[in-house]
């Protein structure tokens, strides 16, 4: 599917030639894929990324103005030829002096549920390291519900493992994250050190936890916080999880 325009809240880069070229990092968040090939303008830029795998770091790419053709991005399963998605990139994405995250989300085999199909998302992030004993999280809801159920909003929040009641009074929380949020979310700044995070859905006032993880955040760290997987999967590798992927600072 070709998306003619992608919008994002946040700052874009300028167009002066003295500014640096855009950078990009690719992440595969499609749980039913063995590996995906990401291509930029049909050049295999990030081949063979496993589920929750990413390209090694942000890489600079030559700036191409829209008037000169700009960019498009495709994803295919490694070893296959069928494009799962193709996106025509529109400004402010891939402007000069911008840092761009490109994800695949959704399923390569959605079994007729088109809203769950594999798609490409693009975000721009702030790679200036937070100061002091702080870390910055960019939350992504990529969780797939079982067949026949629509994907839902997810809350990412901390919990005190020794106090289950703390689920109702978390120190840090980003509630109701839309599935496949297209616009770059406002980041969540937290204390560095050991934190326990859960992903949950709220149903009729009750909290439904879908995944939990404990993680040590570094001072000044920047992280992609991914809630992903397939609810009810018998494959342990595909079951819901919260994953933190460290992103390099400028």
C-alpha atoms as a PDB file:
ATOM      1  CA  UNK A   1       0.000   0.000   0.000  1.00  0.00           C
ATOM      2  CA  UNK A   2       1.304   3.407  -0.916  1.00  0.00           C
ATOM      3  CA  UNK A   3       0.787   6.125   1.635  1.00  0.00           C
ATOM      4  CA  UNK A   4       0.895   9.444  -0.136  1.00  0.00           C
ATOM      5  CA  UNK A   5       1.464  11.526   2.937  1.00  0.00           C
ATOM      6  CA  UNK A   6       2.647  10.952   6.466  1.00  0.00           C
ATOM      7  CA  UNK A   7       2.206  13.631   9.125  1.00  0.00           C
ATOM      8  CA  UNK A   8       4.115  14.019  12.382  1.00  0.00           C
ATOM      9  CA  UNK A   9       4.161  16.439  15.246  1.00  0.00           C
ATOM     10  CA  UNK A  10       7.600  17.781  16.016  1.00  0.00           C
ATOM     11  CA  UNK A  11      10.371  19.690  14.366  1.00  0.00           C
ATOM     12  CA  UNK A  12      11.727  19.019  10.915  1.00  0.00           C
ATOM     13  CA  UNK A  13      15.106  19.821   9.485  1.00  0.00           C
ATOM     14  CA  UNK A  14      15.963  22.720   7.296  1.00  0.00           C
ATOM     15  CA  UNK A  15      16.737  22.677   3.603  1.00  0.00           C
ATOM     16  CA  UNK A  16      20.052  24.546   3.498  1.00  0.00           C
ATOM     17  CA  UNK A  17      22.811  22.483   1.944  1.00  0.00           C
ATOM     18  CA  UNK A  18      25.130  23.337   4.853  1.00  0.00           C
ATOM     19  CA  UNK A  19      22.960  21.220   7.173  1.00  0.00           C
ATOM     20  CA  UNK A  20      23.730  17.524   7.646  1.00  0.00           C
ATOM     21  CA  UNK A  21      22.013  14.778   5.687  1.00  0.00           C
ATOM     22  CA  UNK A  22      19.143  12.899   7.348  1.00  0.00           C
ATOM     23  CA  UNK A  23      19.830   9.769   9.381  1.00  0.00           C
ATOM     24  CA  UNK A  24      17.688   6.632   9.619  1.00  0.00           C
ATOM     25  CA  UNK A  25      17.460   3.465  11.694  1.00  0.00           C
ATOM     26  CA  UNK A  26      15.212   0.497  10.815  1.00  0.00           C
ATOM     27  CA  UNK A  27      13.368  -1.808  13.265  1.00  0.00           C
ATOM     28  CA  UNK A  28      11.309  -4.954  12.553  1.00  0.00           C
ATOM     29  CA  UNK A  29       8.319  -5.102  14.926  1.00  0.00           C
ATOM     30  CA  UNK A  30       6.257  -7.572  12.852  1.00  0.00           C
ATOM     31  CA  UNK A  31       6.028 -10.699  15.042  1.00  0.00           C
ATOM     32  CA  UNK A  32       5.122 -13.326  12.433  1.00  0.00           C
ATOM     33  CA  UNK A  33       8.109 -12.573  10.196  1.00  0.00           C
ATOM     34  CA  UNK A  34      11.278 -14.637  10.248  1.00  0.00           C
ATOM     35  CA  UNK A  35      13.157 -11.625   8.908  1.00  0.00           C
ATOM     36  CA  UNK A  36      12.431  -8.562   6.802  1.00  0.00           C
ATOM     37  CA  UNK A  37      14.363  -6.629   4.193  1.00  0.00           C
ATOM     38  CA  UNK A  38      14.014  -2.839   4.317  1.00  0.00           C
ATOM     39  CA  UNK A  39      14.824  -0.970   1.121  1.00  0.00           C
ATOM     40  CA  UNK A  40      15.237   2.761   0.588  1.00  0.00           C
ATOM     41  CA  UNK A  41      14.546   3.773  -3.013  1.00  0.00           C
ATOM     42  CA  UNK A  42      14.692   0.055  -3.849  1.00  0.00           C
ATOM     43  CA  UNK A  43      18.226  -0.220  -2.470  1.00  0.00           C
ATOM     44  CA  UNK A  44      18.430  -3.011   0.175  1.00  0.00           C
ATOM     45  CA  UNK A  45      19.455  -0.708   3.010  1.00  0.00           C
ATOM     46  CA  UNK A  46      18.663  -2.951   6.011  1.00  0.00           C
ATOM     47  CA  UNK A  47      18.284  -6.586   4.919  1.00  0.00           C
ATOM     48  CA  UNK A  48      17.561  -9.588   7.110  1.00  0.00           C
ATOM     49  CA  UNK A  49      16.212  -7.937  10.264  1.00  0.00           C
ATOM     50  CA  UNK A  50      14.672 -10.481  12.622  1.00  0.00           C
ATOM     51  CA  UNK A  51      11.623  -9.710  14.739  1.00  0.00           C
ATOM     52  CA  UNK A  52      12.626  -6.980  17.244  1.00  0.00           C
ATOM     53  CA  UNK A  53      15.932  -6.664  15.416  1.00  0.00           C
ATOM     54  CA  UNK A  54      17.193  -3.357  14.105  1.00  0.00           C
ATOM     55  CA  UNK A  55      19.920  -1.903  11.977  1.00  0.00           C
ATOM     56  CA  UNK A  56      23.047  -1.300  14.022  1.00  0.00           C
ATOM     57  CA  UNK A  57      22.677   2.457  14.443  1.00  0.00           C
ATOM     58  CA  UNK A  58      21.424   5.590  12.765  1.00  0.00           C
ATOM     59  CA  UNK A  59      23.051   5.891   9.354  1.00  0.00           C
ATOM     60  CA  UNK A  60      23.350   8.990   7.227  1.00  0.00           C
ATOM     61  CA  UNK A  61      21.667   8.897   3.815  1.00  0.00           C
ATOM     62  CA  UNK A  62      22.095  11.352   0.973  1.00  0.00           C
ATOM     63  CA  UNK A  63      19.467  14.080   1.088  1.00  0.00           C
ATOM     64  CA  UNK A  64      17.089  13.975  -1.890  1.00  0.00           C
ATOM     65  CA  UNK A  65      14.626  16.841  -2.181  1.00  0.00           C
ATOM     66  CA  UNK A  66      11.014  15.958  -3.048  1.00  0.00           C
ATOM     67  CA  UNK A  67      11.359  17.885  -6.314  1.00  0.00           C
ATOM     68  CA  UNK A  68      14.173  15.471  -7.224  1.00  0.00           C
ATOM     69  CA  UNK A  69      12.122  12.391  -6.431  1.00  0.00           C
ATOM     70  CA  UNK A  70      12.539  12.101  -2.662  1.00  0.00           C
ATOM     71  CA  UNK A  71      12.370   8.681  -1.054  1.00  0.00           C
ATOM     72  CA  UNK A  72      10.217   5.620  -0.798  1.00  0.00           C
ATOM     73  CA  UNK A  73      10.583   2.701   1.607  1.00  0.00           C
ATOM     74  CA  UNK A  74       9.588  -0.927   1.107  1.00  0.00           C
ATOM     75  CA  UNK A  75       9.496  -4.051   3.248  1.00  0.00           C
ATOM     76  CA  UNK A  76       9.618  -7.619   1.962  1.00  0.00           C
ATOM     77  CA  UNK A  77      10.139 -10.920   3.726  1.00  0.00           C
ATOM     78  CA  UNK A  78      13.726 -12.036   3.342  1.00  0.00           C
ATOM     79  CA  UNK A  79      14.003 -14.395   0.391  1.00  0.00           C
ATOM     80  CA  UNK A  80      10.658 -13.289  -1.040  1.00  0.00           C
ATOM     81  CA  UNK A  81       9.674 -10.824  -3.722  1.00  0.00           C
ATOM     82  CA  UNK A  82       6.209  -9.705  -2.594  1.00  0.00           C
ATOM     83  CA  UNK A  83       6.224  -6.219  -1.082  1.00  0.00           C
ATOM     84  CA  UNK A  84       4.358  -6.145   2.207  1.00  0.00           C
ATOM     85  CA  UNK A  85       4.196  -2.360   2.149  1.00  0.00           C
ATOM     86  CA  UNK A  86       5.598   0.633   0.282  1.00  0.00           C
ATOM     87  CA  UNK A  87       5.559   4.176   1.653  1.00  0.00           C
ATOM     88  CA  UNK A  88       6.223   7.347  -0.294  1.00  0.00           C
ATOM     89  CA  UNK A  89       8.031   9.623   2.153  1.00  0.00           C
ATOM     90  CA  UNK A  90       6.784  13.179   2.503  1.00  0.00           C
ATOM     91  CA  UNK A  91       8.397  16.076   4.370  1.00  0.00           C
ATOM     92  CA  UNK A  92       9.207  16.665   7.171  1.00  0.00           C
ATOM     93  CA  UNK A  93      10.477  13.081   7.151  1.00  0.00           C
ATOM     94  CA  UNK A  94      14.012  12.700   5.813  1.00  0.00           C
ATOM     95  CA  UNK A  95      14.541  16.457   5.741  1.00  0.00           C
ATOM     96  CA  UNK A  96      18.077  17.614   6.351  1.00  0.00           C
ATOM     97  CA  UNK A  97      19.236  17.481   9.966  1.00  0.00           C
ATOM     98  CA  UNK A  98      16.567  14.974  11.084  1.00  0.00           C
ATOM     99  CA  UNK A  99      16.803  11.580  12.804  1.00  0.00           C
ATOM    100  CA  UNK A 100      14.234   9.113  11.485  1.00  0.00           C
ATOM    101  CA  UNK A 101      13.050   5.784  12.906  1.00  0.00           C
ATOM    102  CA  UNK A 102      11.409   3.428  10.415  1.00  0.00           C
ATOM    103  CA  UNK A 103       9.367   0.490  11.760  1.00  0.00           C
ATOM    104  CA  UNK A 104       7.448  -2.400  10.362  1.00  0.00           C
ATOM    105  CA  UNK A 105       4.413  -3.259  12.471  1.00  0.00           C
ATOM    106  CA  UNK A 106       1.544  -5.653  11.856  1.00  0.00           C
ATOM    107  CA  UNK A 107       1.413  -9.137  10.394  1.00  0.00           C
ATOM    108  CA  UNK A 108       2.819 -10.483   7.165  1.00  0.00           C
ATOM    109  CA  UNK A 109      -0.105 -12.946   7.197  1.00  0.00           C
ATOM    110  CA  UNK A 110      -3.107 -11.055   8.624  1.00  0.00           C
ATOM    111  CA  UNK A 111      -5.611 -13.728   7.472  1.00  0.00           C
ATOM    112  CA  UNK A 112      -7.975 -11.204   5.946  1.00  0.00           C
ATOM    113  CA  UNK A 113      -7.837  -8.706   8.839  1.00  0.00           C
ATOM    114  CA  UNK A 114      -6.533  -5.773   6.824  1.00  0.00           C
ATOM    115  CA  UNK A 115      -6.132  -3.481   9.826  1.00  0.00           C
ATOM    116  CA  UNK A 116      -3.524  -5.930  11.145  1.00  0.00           C
ATOM    117  CA  UNK A 117      -1.505  -6.119   7.928  1.00  0.00           C
ATOM    118  CA  UNK A 118       2.207  -5.295   7.881  1.00  0.00           C
ATOM    119  CA  UNK A 119       2.771  -1.562   7.533  1.00  0.00           C
ATOM    120  CA  UNK A 120       5.583   0.967   7.692  1.00  0.00           C
ATOM    121  CA  UNK A 121       5.699   3.771  10.266  1.00  0.00           C
ATOM    122  CA  UNK A 122       8.153   6.660  10.376  1.00  0.00           C
ATOM    123  CA  UNK A 123       8.966   8.798  13.407  1.00  0.00           C
ATOM    124  CA  UNK A 124      11.425  11.591  14.010  1.00  0.00           C
ATOM    125  CA  UNK A 125      13.059  11.642  17.429  1.00  0.00           C
ATOM    126  CA  UNK A 126      15.162  13.918  19.578  1.00  0.00           C
ATOM    127  CA  UNK A 127      18.600  12.348  19.974  1.00  0.00           C
ATOM    128  CA  UNK A 128      19.937  14.953  22.392  1.00  0.00           C
ATOM    129  CA  UNK A 129      20.696  12.977  25.550  1.00  0.00           C
ATOM    130  CA  UNK A 130      18.603  13.845  28.624  1.00  0.00           C
ATOM    131  CA  UNK A 131      20.618  15.392  31.422  1.00  0.00           C
ATOM    132  CA  UNK A 132      21.186  14.161  34.945  1.00  0.00           C
ATOM    133  CA  UNK A 133      19.877  10.813  36.165  1.00  0.00           C
ATOM    134  CA  UNK A 134      17.210  10.657  33.507  1.00  0.00           C
ATOM    135  CA  UNK A 135      16.308   8.450  30.538  1.00  0.00           C
ATOM    136  CA  UNK A 136      13.911   9.133  27.668  1.00  0.00           C
ATOM    137  CA  UNK A 137      11.392   6.598  26.300  1.00  0.00           C
ATOM    138  CA  UNK A 138       9.477   6.650  23.018  1.00  0.00           C
ATOM    139  CA  UNK A 139       6.548   4.198  23.467  1.00  0.00           C
ATOM    140  CA  UNK A 140       5.269   2.129  20.533  1.00  0.00           C
ATOM    141  CA  UNK A 141       2.103   0.006  20.701  1.00  0.00           C
ATOM    142  CA  UNK A 142       2.509  -2.815  18.191  1.00  0.00           C
ATOM    143  CA  UNK A 143       0.580  -5.494  20.124  1.00  0.00           C
ATOM    144  CA  UNK A 144      -1.560  -7.860  18.055  1.00  0.00           C
ATOM    145  CA  UNK A 145      -4.777  -9.190  19.568  1.00  0.00           C
ATOM    146  CA  UNK A 146      -6.049 -12.689  18.668  1.00  0.00           C
ATOM    147  CA  UNK A 147      -7.846 -13.301  15.391  1.00  0.00           C
ATOM    148  CA  UNK A 148     -11.264 -11.690  15.376  1.00  0.00           C
ATOM    149  CA  UNK A 149     -10.367  -9.038  17.966  1.00  0.00           C
ATOM    150  CA  UNK A 150      -9.427  -5.488  17.027  1.00  0.00           C
ATOM    151  CA  UNK A 151      -6.068  -4.170  18.200  1.00  0.00           C
ATOM    152  CA  UNK A 152      -6.533  -1.960  21.244  1.00  0.00           C
ATOM    153  CA  UNK A 153      -4.947   0.978  23.028  1.00  0.00           C
ATOM    154  CA  UNK A 154      -2.254   0.035  25.541  1.00  0.00           C
ATOM    155  CA  UNK A 155      -0.979   1.727  28.686  1.00  0.00           C
ATOM    156  CA  UNK A 156       2.752   1.583  29.408  1.00  0.00           C
ATOM    157  CA  UNK A 157       3.474   2.165  33.093  1.00  0.00           C
ATOM    158  CA  UNK A 158       5.722   1.357  35.997  1.00  0.00           C
ATOM    159  CA  UNK A 159       4.712  -0.914  38.847  1.00  0.00           C
ATOM    160  CA  UNK A 160       6.267  -1.750  42.216  1.00  0.00           C
ATOM    161  CA  UNK A 161       6.634  -5.566  42.138  1.00  0.00           C
ATOM    162  CA  UNK A 162       6.317  -5.682  45.921  1.00  0.00           C
ATOM    163  CA  UNK A 163       3.079  -3.718  45.895  1.00  0.00           C
ATOM    164  CA  UNK A 164       0.557  -4.936  43.292  1.00  0.00           C
ATOM    165  CA  UNK A 165      -1.794  -2.107  44.262  1.00  0.00           C
ATOM    166  CA  UNK A 166       0.714   0.336  42.753  1.00  0.00           C
ATOM    167  CA  UNK A 167      -0.784  -0.487  39.357  1.00  0.00           C
ATOM    168  CA  UNK A 168      -3.385   2.148  40.178  1.00  0.00           C
ATOM    169  CA  UNK A 169      -0.814   4.774  41.200  1.00  0.00           C
ATOM    170  CA  UNK A 170       2.233   4.373  38.946  1.00  0.00           C
ATOM    171  CA  UNK A 171       5.248   6.651  39.160  1.00  0.00           C
ATOM    172  CA  UNK A 172       5.412   6.834  35.357  1.00  0.00           C
ATOM    173  CA  UNK A 173       2.621   6.170  32.906  1.00  0.00           C
ATOM    174  CA  UNK A 174       1.688   6.761  29.285  1.00  0.00           C
ATOM    175  CA  UNK A 175      -1.992   5.761  29.046  1.00  0.00           C
ATOM    176  CA  UNK A 176      -4.030   4.768  26.005  1.00  0.00           C
ATOM    177  CA  UNK A 177      -1.288   4.536  23.386  1.00  0.00           C
ATOM    178  CA  UNK A 178      -2.986   3.986  20.011  1.00  0.00           C
ATOM    179  CA  UNK A 179      -2.014   0.911  18.031  1.00  0.00           C
ATOM    180  CA  UNK A 180       0.447   1.854  15.309  1.00  0.00           C
ATOM    181  CA  UNK A 181       0.640   5.513  16.269  1.00  0.00           C
ATOM    182  CA  UNK A 182       1.691   7.391  13.162  1.00  0.00           C
ATOM    183  CA  UNK A 183       2.829  10.611  14.788  1.00  0.00           C
ATOM    184  CA  UNK A 184       5.945  10.638  16.934  1.00  0.00           C
ATOM    185  CA  UNK A 185       4.695  10.363  20.519  1.00  0.00           C
ATOM    186  CA  UNK A 186       5.689  12.811  23.215  1.00  0.00           C
ATOM    187  CA  UNK A 187       8.583  11.096  25.011  1.00  0.00           C
ATOM    188  CA  UNK A 188       8.330   9.870  28.586  1.00  0.00           C
ATOM    189  CA  UNK A 189      11.235  10.989  30.782  1.00  0.00           C
ATOM    190  CA  UNK A 190      11.950   8.730  33.759  1.00  0.00           C
ATOM    191  CA  UNK A 191      14.562   8.225  36.463  1.00  0.00           C
ATOM    192  CA  UNK A 192      17.427   6.045  35.303  1.00  0.00           C
ATOM    193  CA  UNK A 193      18.241   2.828  37.141  1.00  0.00           C
ATOM    194  CA  UNK A 194      16.142  -0.302  37.624  1.00  0.00           C
ATOM    195  CA  UNK A 195      12.453   0.057  36.737  1.00  0.00           C
ATOM    196  CA  UNK A 196       9.670  -2.491  36.241  1.00  0.00           C
ATOM    197  CA  UNK A 197       7.286  -1.682  33.398  1.00  0.00           C
ATOM    198  CA  UNK A 198       4.076  -3.366  32.348  1.00  0.00           C
ATOM    199  CA  UNK A 199       1.856  -3.065  29.313  1.00  0.00           C
ATOM    200  CA  UNK A 200      -1.855  -3.356  30.066  1.00  0.00           C
ATOM    201  CA  UNK A 201      -5.286  -2.936  28.581  1.00  0.00           C
ATOM    202  CA  UNK A 202      -8.175  -1.502  30.602  1.00  0.00           C
ATOM    203  CA  UNK A 203     -11.466  -3.413  30.367  1.00  0.00           C
ATOM    204  CA  UNK A 204     -14.595  -2.360  32.278  1.00  0.00           C
ATOM    205  CA  UNK A 205     -12.481  -0.563  34.838  1.00  0.00           C
ATOM    206  CA  UNK A 206     -10.219  -3.543  35.575  1.00  0.00           C
ATOM    207  CA  UNK A 207      -6.535  -3.556  34.660  1.00  0.00           C
ATOM    208  CA  UNK A 208      -5.474  -6.327  32.300  1.00  0.00           C
ATOM    209  CA  UNK A 209      -1.718  -6.806  32.250  1.00  0.00           C
ATOM    210  CA  UNK A 210      -0.396  -8.257  29.005  1.00  0.00           C
ATOM    211  CA  UNK A 211       3.371  -8.086  29.566  1.00  0.00           C
ATOM    212  CA  UNK A 212       5.966  -7.137  32.173  1.00  0.00           C
ATOM    213  CA  UNK A 213       9.718  -6.595  32.238  1.00  0.00           C
ATOM    214  CA  UNK A 214      12.394  -5.235  34.555  1.00  0.00           C
ATOM    215  CA  UNK A 215      15.094  -3.149  32.924  1.00  0.00           C
ATOM    216  CA  UNK A 216      18.093  -1.060  33.955  1.00  0.00           C
ATOM    217  CA  UNK A 217      18.056   2.355  32.262  1.00  0.00           C
ATOM    218  CA  UNK A 218      21.318   4.234  31.879  1.00  0.00           C
ATOM    219  CA  UNK A 219      21.821   7.911  32.702  1.00  0.00           C
ATOM    220  CA  UNK A 220      21.187   9.935  29.551  1.00  0.00           C
ATOM    221  CA  UNK A 221      19.788   6.906  27.713  1.00  0.00           C
ATOM    222  CA  UNK A 222      17.263   7.139  24.887  1.00  0.00           C
ATOM    223  CA  UNK A 223      15.064   4.082  24.303  1.00  0.00           C
ATOM    224  CA  UNK A 224      12.374   2.796  22.017  1.00  0.00           C
ATOM    225  CA  UNK A 225       9.809   1.158  24.343  1.00  0.00           C
ATOM    226  CA  UNK A 226       7.961  -1.501  22.327  1.00  0.00           C
ATOM    227  CA  UNK A 227       4.843  -3.376  23.441  1.00  0.00           C
ATOM    228  CA  UNK A 228       4.570  -6.171  20.886  1.00  0.00           C
ATOM    229  CA  UNK A 229       3.728  -9.804  20.225  1.00  0.00           C
ATOM    230  CA  UNK A 230       0.519 -11.739  19.619  1.00  0.00           C
ATOM    231  CA  UNK A 231      -1.892 -12.274  22.489  1.00  0.00           C
ATOM    232  CA  UNK A 232      -2.719 -15.947  23.009  1.00  0.00           C
ATOM    233  CA  UNK A 233       0.155 -17.232  20.869  1.00  0.00           C
ATOM    234  CA  UNK A 234       1.392 -20.714  21.791  1.00  0.00           C
ATOM    235  CA  UNK A 235       4.848 -19.732  20.523  1.00  0.00           C
ATOM    236  CA  UNK A 236       6.757 -18.275  23.466  1.00  0.00           C
ATOM    237  CA  UNK A 237       8.856 -16.112  21.129  1.00  0.00           C
ATOM    238  CA  UNK A 238       5.692 -14.399  19.857  1.00  0.00           C
ATOM    239  CA  UNK A 239       3.910 -13.895  23.167  1.00  0.00           C
ATOM    240  CA  UNK A 240       3.368 -10.290  24.337  1.00  0.00           C
ATOM    241  CA  UNK A 241       6.414  -8.545  25.742  1.00  0.00           C
ATOM    242  CA  UNK A 242       7.795  -5.124  26.604  1.00  0.00           C
ATOM    243  CA  UNK A 243      11.168  -4.509  24.960  1.00  0.00           C
ATOM    244  CA  UNK A 244      13.505  -1.547  25.361  1.00  0.00           C
ATOM    245  CA  UNK A 245      15.841  -0.821  22.444  1.00  0.00           C
ATOM    246  CA  UNK A 246      18.673   1.618  23.179  1.00  0.00           C
ATOM    247  CA  UNK A 247      18.980   4.431  20.651  1.00  0.00           C
ATOM    248  CA  UNK A 248      22.234   6.316  20.302  1.00  0.00           C
ATOM    249  CA  UNK A 249      22.410   9.982  21.213  1.00  0.00           C
ATOM    250  CA  UNK A 250      23.942  12.590  18.929  1.00  0.00           C
END
